[in-house]
Amino acid sequence: MADYKKLYLKMFRASDEAINLLIAAQQTCEELYISQPEVELKVLPLPSETRTTEMRHDFKSMPASLTKENEPS
């Protein structure tokens, strides 16, 4: 009959070693990540927001004579 205690302990030790290896790798990666200089992030508008912003910009740059506010009532 198989020695289940021996088999269990072998699997348990191997699982424990694997977990410790993964933890060590994660800690190494975290250290590498936090040691890097910070990167400046830039938020880009969504395409629909870009179109609206461009339209507002175009409207603001129009000559006053072409805007609705200056039309005769």
PDB file of N, CA and C in Angstrom:
ATOM      1  N   MET A   1       0.838  -1.179   0.000  1.00  0.00           N
ATOM      2  CA  MET A   1       0.000   0.000   0.000  1.00  0.00           C
ATOM      3  C   MET A   1       0.890   1.252   0.000  1.00  0.00           C
ATOM      4  N   ALA A   2       0.435   2.306  -0.689  1.00  0.00           N
ATOM      5  CA  ALA A   2       1.196   3.544  -0.795  1.00  0.00           C
ATOM      6  C   ALA A   2       1.267   4.253   0.554  1.00  0.00           C
ATOM      7  N   ASP A   3       2.384   4.926   0.779  1.00  0.00           N
ATOM      8  CA  ASP A   3       2.582   5.694   2.010  1.00  0.00           C
ATOM      9  C   ASP A   3       2.007   7.095   1.769  1.00  0.00           C
ATOM     10  N   TYR A   4       0.718   7.275   2.077  1.00  0.00           N
ATOM     11  CA  TYR A   4       0.020   8.532   1.785  1.00  0.00           C
ATOM     12  C   TYR A   4       0.584   9.717   2.562  1.00  0.00           C
ATOM     13  N   LYS A   5       1.056   9.465   3.764  1.00  0.00           N
ATOM     14  CA  LYS A   5       1.657  10.550   4.541  1.00  0.00           C
ATOM     15  C   LYS A   5       2.893  11.081   3.820  1.00  0.00           C
ATOM     16  N   LYS A   6       3.727  10.176   3.323  1.00  0.00           N
ATOM     17  CA  LYS A   6       4.933  10.573   2.591  1.00  0.00           C
ATOM     18  C   LYS A   6       4.556  11.346   1.317  1.00  0.00           C
ATOM     19  N   LEU A   7       3.559  10.843   0.575  1.00  0.00           N
ATOM     20  CA  LEU A   7       3.100  11.522  -0.646  1.00  0.00           C
ATOM     21  C   LEU A   7       2.539  12.910  -0.329  1.00  0.00           C
ATOM     22  N   TYR A   8       1.741  12.984   0.726  1.00  0.00           N
ATOM     23  CA  TYR A   8       1.143  14.258   1.130  1.00  0.00           C
ATOM     24  C   TYR A   8       2.228  15.269   1.497  1.00  0.00           C
ATOM     25  N   LEU A   9       3.193  14.853   2.309  1.00  0.00           N
ATOM     26  CA  LEU A   9       4.261  15.763   2.736  1.00  0.00           C
ATOM     27  C   LEU A   9       5.099  16.235   1.552  1.00  0.00           C
ATOM     28  N   LYS A  10       5.353  15.333   0.600  1.00  0.00           N
ATOM     29  CA  LYS A  10       6.108  15.723  -0.600  1.00  0.00           C
ATOM     30  C   LYS A  10       5.349  16.790  -1.390  1.00  0.00           C
ATOM     31  N   MET A  11       4.047  16.589  -1.593  1.00  0.00           N
ATOM     32  CA  MET A  11       3.225  17.581  -2.314  1.00  0.00           C
ATOM     33  C   MET A  11       3.128  18.892  -1.541  1.00  0.00           C
ATOM     34  N   PHE A  12       2.986  18.799  -0.216  1.00  0.00           N
ATOM     35  CA  PHE A  12       2.882  19.999   0.606  1.00  0.00           C
ATOM     36  C   PHE A  12       4.162  20.832   0.524  1.00  0.00           C
ATOM     37  N   ARG A  13       5.311  20.173   0.620  1.00  0.00           N
ATOM     38  CA  ARG A  13       6.594  20.890   0.548  1.00  0.00           C
ATOM     39  C   ARG A  13       6.781  21.528  -0.829  1.00  0.00           C
ATOM     40  N   ALA A  14       6.413  20.808  -1.877  1.00  0.00           N
ATOM     41  CA  ALA A  14       6.542  21.352  -3.231  1.00  0.00           C
ATOM     42  C   ALA A  14       5.616  22.557  -3.416  1.00  0.00           C
ATOM     43  N   SER A  15       4.404  22.466  -2.883  1.00  0.00           N
ATOM     44  CA  SER A  15       3.459  23.590  -2.969  1.00  0.00           C
ATOM     45  C   SER A  15       3.994  24.789  -2.195  1.00  0.00           C
ATOM     46  N   ASP A  16       4.547  24.536  -1.029  1.00  0.00           N
ATOM     47  CA  ASP A  16       5.110  25.600  -0.201  1.00  0.00           C
ATOM     48  C   ASP A  16       6.275  26.283  -0.912  1.00  0.00           C
ATOM     49  N   GLU A  17       7.155  25.501  -1.537  1.00  0.00           N
ATOM     50  CA  GLU A  17       8.280  26.059  -2.293  1.00  0.00           C
ATOM     51  C   GLU A  17       7.790  26.902  -3.471  1.00  0.00           C
ATOM     52  N   ALA A  18       6.764  26.419  -4.165  1.00  0.00           N
ATOM     53  CA  ALA A  18       6.225  27.152  -5.319  1.00  0.00           C
ATOM     54  C   ALA A  18       5.631  28.485  -4.879  1.00  0.00           C
ATOM     55  N   ILE A  19       4.893  28.481  -3.787  1.00  0.00           N
ATOM     56  CA  ILE A  19       4.291  29.720  -3.283  1.00  0.00           C
ATOM     57  C   ILE A  19       5.382  30.705  -2.878  1.00  0.00           C
ATOM     58  N   ASN A  20       6.400  30.220  -2.179  1.00  0.00           N
ATOM     59  CA  ASN A  20       7.499  31.095  -1.765  1.00  0.00           C
ATOM     60  C   ASN A  20       8.253  31.661  -2.965  1.00  0.00           C
ATOM     61  N   LEU A  21       8.415  30.860  -4.012  1.00  0.00           N
ATOM     62  CA  LEU A  21       9.062  31.332  -5.238  1.00  0.00           C
ATOM     63  C   LEU A  21       8.240  32.445  -5.887  1.00  0.00           C
ATOM     64  N   LEU A  22       6.928  32.261  -5.947  1.00  0.00           N
ATOM     65  CA  LEU A  22       6.050  33.294  -6.525  1.00  0.00           C
ATOM     66  C   LEU A  22       6.072  34.575  -5.683  1.00  0.00           C
ATOM     67  N   ILE A  23       6.069  34.435  -4.368  1.00  0.00           N
ATOM     68  CA  ILE A  23       6.113  35.609  -3.490  1.00  0.00           C
ATOM     69  C   ILE A  23       7.423  36.369  -3.698  1.00  0.00           C
ATOM     70  N   ALA A  24       8.529  35.651  -3.778  1.00  0.00           N
ATOM     71  CA  ALA A  24       9.827  36.296  -3.993  1.00  0.00           C
ATOM     72  C   ALA A  24       9.865  37.022  -5.340  1.00  0.00           C
ATOM     73  N   ALA A  25       9.331  36.398  -6.372  1.00  0.00           N
ATOM     74  CA  ALA A  25       9.290  37.034  -7.693  1.00  0.00           C
ATOM     75  C   ALA A  25       8.430  38.288  -7.660  1.00  0.00           C
ATOM     76  N   GLN A  26       7.293  38.232  -6.987  1.00  0.00           N
ATOM     77  CA  GLN A  26       6.420  39.401  -6.886  1.00  0.00           C
ATOM     78  C   GLN A  26       7.121  40.527  -6.136  1.00  0.00           C
ATOM     79  N   GLN A  27       7.784  40.218  -5.042  1.00  0.00           N
ATOM     80  CA  GLN A  27       8.485  41.241  -4.267  1.00  0.00           C
ATOM     81  C   GLN A  27       9.604  41.878  -5.084  1.00  0.00           C
ATOM     82  N   THR A  28      10.324  41.068  -5.854  1.00  0.00           N
ATOM     83  CA  THR A  28      11.385  41.595  -6.716  1.00  0.00           C
ATOM     84  C   THR A  28      10.800  42.550  -7.758  1.00  0.00           C
ATOM     85  N   CYS A  29       9.705  42.154  -8.370  1.00  0.00           N
ATOM     86  CA  CYS A  29       9.057  43.004  -9.375  1.00  0.00           C
ATOM     87  C   CYS A  29       8.535  44.297  -8.752  1.00  0.00           C
ATOM     88  N   GLU A  30       7.970  44.215  -7.560  1.00  0.00           N
ATOM     89  CA  GLU A  30       7.482  45.416  -6.884  1.00  0.00           C
ATOM     90  C   GLU A  30       8.633  46.379  -6.589  1.00  0.00           C
ATOM     91  N   GLU A  31       9.760  45.841  -6.128  1.00  0.00           N
ATOM     92  CA  GLU A  31      10.933  46.680  -5.856  1.00  0.00           C
ATOM     93  C   GLU A  31      11.428  47.352  -7.133  1.00  0.00           C
ATOM     94  N   LEU A  32      11.478  46.601  -8.225  1.00  0.00           N
ATOM     95  CA  LEU A  32      11.886  47.185  -9.510  1.00  0.00           C
ATOM     96  C   LEU A  32      10.925  48.292  -9.940  1.00  0.00           C
ATOM     97  N   TYR A  33       9.639  48.054  -9.738  1.00  0.00           N
ATOM     98  CA  TYR A  33       8.622  49.030 -10.143  1.00  0.00           C
ATOM     99  C   TYR A  33       8.747  50.329  -9.352  1.00  0.00           C
ATOM    100  N   ILE A  34       8.866  50.213  -8.020  1.00  0.00           N
ATOM    101  CA  ILE A  34       8.896  51.443  -7.213  1.00  0.00           C
ATOM    102  C   ILE A  34      10.237  52.162  -7.298  1.00  0.00           C
ATOM    103  N   SER A  35      11.277  51.492  -7.789  1.00  0.00           N
ATOM    104  CA  SER A  35      12.578  52.149  -7.915  1.00  0.00           C
ATOM    105  C   SER A  35      12.694  52.936  -9.223  1.00  0.00           C
ATOM    106  N   GLN A  36      11.754  52.765 -10.130  1.00  0.00           N
ATOM    107  CA  GLN A  36      11.782  53.473 -11.409  1.00  0.00           C
ATOM    108  C   GLN A  36      11.321  54.923 -11.217  1.00  0.00           C
ATOM    109  N   PRO A  37      11.843  55.861 -12.024  1.00  0.00           N
ATOM    110  CA  PRO A  37      11.355  57.239 -11.931  1.00  0.00           C
ATOM    111  C   PRO A  37       9.892  57.310 -12.363  1.00  0.00           C
ATOM    112  N   GLU A  38       9.194  58.260 -11.765  1.00  0.00           N
ATOM    113  CA  GLU A  38       7.778  58.399 -12.076  1.00  0.00           C
ATOM    114  C   GLU A  38       7.594  58.951 -13.487  1.00  0.00           C
ATOM    115  N   VAL A  39       6.643  58.404 -14.187  1.00  0.00           N
ATOM    116  CA  VAL A  39       6.343  58.824 -15.552  1.00  0.00           C
ATOM    117  C   VAL A  39       5.176  59.809 -15.498  1.00  0.00           C
ATOM    118  N   GLU A  40       5.298  60.907 -16.265  1.00  0.00           N
ATOM    119  CA  GLU A  40       4.206  61.863 -16.310  1.00  0.00           C
ATOM    120  C   GLU A  40       3.112  61.321 -17.223  1.00  0.00           C
ATOM    121  N   LEU A  41       1.916  61.204 -16.689  1.00  0.00           N
ATOM    122  CA  LEU A  41       0.791  60.698 -17.460  1.00  0.00           C
ATOM    123  C   LEU A  41      -0.004  61.852 -18.037  1.00  0.00           C
ATOM    124  N   LYS A  42      -0.527  61.654 -19.210  1.00  0.00           N
ATOM    125  CA  LYS A  42      -1.332  62.670 -19.867  1.00  0.00           C
ATOM    126  C   LYS A  42      -2.688  62.048 -20.192  1.00  0.00           C
ATOM    127  N   VAL A  43      -3.756  62.701 -19.765  1.00  0.00           N
ATOM    128  CA  VAL A  43      -5.099  62.204 -20.031  1.00  0.00           C
ATOM    129  C   VAL A  43      -5.529  62.726 -21.393  1.00  0.00           C
ATOM    130  N   LEU A  44      -5.856  61.818 -22.259  1.00  0.00           N
ATOM    131  CA  LEU A  44      -6.293  62.192 -23.604  1.00  0.00           C
ATOM    132  C   LEU A  44      -7.817  62.180 -23.642  1.00  0.00           C
ATOM    133  N   PRO A  45      -8.412  63.158 -24.304  1.00  0.00           N
ATOM    134  CA  PRO A  45      -9.873  63.166 -24.383  1.00  0.00           C
ATOM    135  C   PRO A  45     -10.374  62.066 -25.304  1.00  0.00           C
ATOM    136  N   LEU A  46     -11.602  61.648 -25.077  1.00  0.00           N
ATOM    137  CA  LEU A  46     -12.233  60.681 -25.961  1.00  0.00           C
ATOM    138  C   LEU A  46     -12.498  61.342 -27.308  1.00  0.00           C
ATOM    139  N   PRO A  47     -12.597  60.564 -28.383  1.00  0.00           N
ATOM    140  CA  PRO A  47     -12.829  61.166 -29.700  1.00  0.00           C
ATOM    141  C   PRO A  47     -14.056  62.074 -29.731  1.00  0.00           C
ATOM    142  N   SER A  48     -15.132  61.723 -29.043  1.00  0.00           N
ATOM    143  CA  SER A  48     -16.325  62.573 -29.051  1.00  0.00           C
ATOM    144  C   SER A  48     -16.063  63.881 -28.314  1.00  0.00           C
ATOM    145  N   GLU A  49     -15.259  63.850 -27.251  1.00  0.00           N
ATOM    146  CA  GLU A  49     -14.918  65.064 -26.526  1.00  0.00           C
ATOM    147  C   GLU A  49     -13.994  65.942 -27.360  1.00  0.00           C
ATOM    148  N   THR A  50     -13.118  65.322 -28.135  1.00  0.00           N
ATOM    149  CA  THR A  50     -12.195  66.079 -28.976  1.00  0.00           C
ATOM    150  C   THR A  50     -12.979  66.884 -29.997  1.00  0.00           C
ATOM    151  N   ARG A  51     -13.976  66.264 -30.605  1.00  0.00           N
ATOM    152  CA  ARG A  51     -14.773  66.954 -31.608  1.00  0.00           C
ATOM    153  C   ARG A  51     -15.487  68.151 -30.976  1.00  0.00           C
ATOM    154  N   THR A  52     -16.070  67.969 -29.808  1.00  0.00           N
ATOM    155  CA  THR A  52     -16.776  69.056 -29.125  1.00  0.00           C
ATOM    156  C   THR A  52     -15.806  70.170 -28.762  1.00  0.00           C
ATOM    157  N   THR A  53     -14.649  69.813 -28.260  1.00  0.00           N
ATOM    158  CA  THR A  53     -13.649  70.807 -27.879  1.00  0.00           C
ATOM    159  C   THR A  53     -13.177  71.571 -29.108  1.00  0.00           C
ATOM    160  N   GLU A  54     -12.940  70.859 -30.202  1.00  0.00           N
ATOM    161  CA  GLU A  54     -12.509  71.527 -31.426  1.00  0.00           C
ATOM    162  C   GLU A  54     -13.581  72.483 -31.916  1.00  0.00           C
ATOM    163  N   MET A  55     -14.846  72.091 -31.820  1.00  0.00           N
ATOM    164  CA  MET A  55     -15.929  72.959 -32.267  1.00  0.00           C
ATOM    165  C   MET A  55     -15.996  74.201 -31.391  1.00  0.00           C
ATOM    166  N   ARG A  56     -15.830  74.029 -30.073  1.00  0.00           N
ATOM    167  CA  ARG A  56     -15.844  75.189 -29.180  1.00  0.00           C
ATOM    168  C   ARG A  56     -14.686  76.112 -29.504  1.00  0.00           C
ATOM    169  N   HIS A  57     -13.524  75.535 -29.749  1.00  0.00           N
ATOM    170  CA  HIS A  57     -12.351  76.332 -30.071  1.00  0.00           C
ATOM    171  C   HIS A  57     -12.591  77.102 -31.370  1.00  0.00           C
ATOM    172  N   ASP A  58     -13.122  76.411 -32.376  1.00  0.00           N
ATOM    173  CA  ASP A  58     -13.401  77.064 -33.657  1.00  0.00           C
ATOM    174  C   ASP A  58     -14.407  78.196 -33.467  1.00  0.00           C
ATOM    175  N   PHE A  59     -15.411  77.971 -32.627  1.00  0.00           N
ATOM    176  CA  PHE A  59     -16.430  78.984 -32.403  1.00  0.00           C
ATOM    177  C   PHE A  59     -15.820  80.200 -31.712  1.00  0.00           C
ATOM    178  N   LYS A  60     -14.949  79.980 -30.737  1.00  0.00           N
ATOM    179  CA  LYS A  60     -14.327  81.092 -30.019  1.00  0.00           C
ATOM    180  C   LYS A  60     -13.394  81.887 -30.928  1.00  0.00           C
ATOM    181  N   SER A  61     -12.803  81.223 -31.912  1.00  0.00           N
ATOM    182  CA  SER A  61     -11.854  81.919 -32.781  1.00  0.00           C
ATOM    183  C   SER A  61     -12.544  82.611 -33.961  1.00  0.00           C
ATOM    184  N   MET A  62     -13.871  82.470 -34.054  1.00  0.00           N
ATOM    185  CA  MET A  62     -14.596  83.118 -35.150  1.00  0.00           C
ATOM    186  C   MET A  62     -14.626  84.627 -34.925  1.00  0.00           C
ATOM    187  N   PRO A  63     -14.621  85.386 -35.978  1.00  0.00           N
ATOM    188  CA  PRO A  63     -14.766  86.840 -35.823  1.00  0.00           C
ATOM    189  C   PRO A  63     -16.114  87.165 -35.168  1.00  0.00           C
ATOM    190  N   ALA A  64     -16.140  88.200 -34.386  1.00  0.00           N
ATOM    191  CA  ALA A  64     -17.346  88.595 -33.660  1.00  0.00           C
ATOM    192  C   ALA A  64     -18.512  88.828 -34.615  1.00  0.00           C
ATOM    193  N   SER A  65     -18.233  89.255 -35.807  1.00  0.00           N
ATOM    194  CA  SER A  65     -19.321  89.525 -36.760  1.00  0.00           C
ATOM    195  C   SER A  65     -20.038  88.256 -37.202  1.00  0.00           C
ATOM    196  N   LEU A  66     -19.460  87.086 -36.981  1.00  0.00           N
ATOM    197  CA  LEU A  66     -20.079  85.848 -37.421  1.00  0.00           C
ATOM    198  C   LEU A  66     -20.771  85.074 -36.307  1.00  0.00           C
ATOM    199  N   THR A  67     -20.674  85.517 -35.085  1.00  0.00           N
ATOM    200  CA  THR A  67     -21.297  84.802 -33.987  1.00  0.00           C
ATOM    201  C   THR A  67     -22.754  85.197 -33.844  1.00  0.00           C
ATOM    202  N   LYS A  68     -23.578  84.290 -33.283  1.00  0.00           N
ATOM    203  CA  LYS A  68     -25.018  84.552 -33.129  1.00  0.00           C
ATOM    204  C   LYS A  68     -25.276  85.723 -32.195  1.00  0.00           C
ATOM    205  N   GLU A  69     -24.380  85.893 -31.196  1.00  0.00           N
ATOM    206  CA  GLU A  69     -24.607  86.958 -30.215  1.00  0.00           C
ATOM    207  C   GLU A  69     -24.658  88.339 -30.865  1.00  0.00           C
ATOM    208  N   ASN A  70     -23.930  88.511 -31.969  1.00  0.00           N
ATOM    209  CA  ASN A  70     -23.871  89.819 -32.605  1.00  0.00           C
ATOM    210  C   ASN A  70     -24.840  89.976 -33.765  1.00  0.00           C
ATOM    211  N   GLU A  71     -25.698  88.974 -33.989  1.00  0.00           N
ATOM    212  CA  GLU A  71     -26.673  89.075 -35.071  1.00  0.00           C
ATOM    213  C   GLU A  71     -27.774  90.059 -34.664  1.00  0.00           C
ATOM    214  N   PRO A  72     -28.303  90.804 -35.598  1.00  0.00           N
ATOM    215  CA  PRO A  72     -29.414  91.722 -35.266  1.00  0.00           C
ATOM    216  C   PRO A  72     -30.659  90.921 -34.896  1.00  0.00           C
ATOM    217  N   SER A  73     -31.409  91.429 -33.923  1.00  0.00           N
ATOM    218  CA  SER A  73     -32.624  90.739 -33.480  1.00  0.00           C
ATOM    219  C   SER A  73     -33.813  91.161 -34.299  1.00  0.00           C
TER     220      SER A  73
END
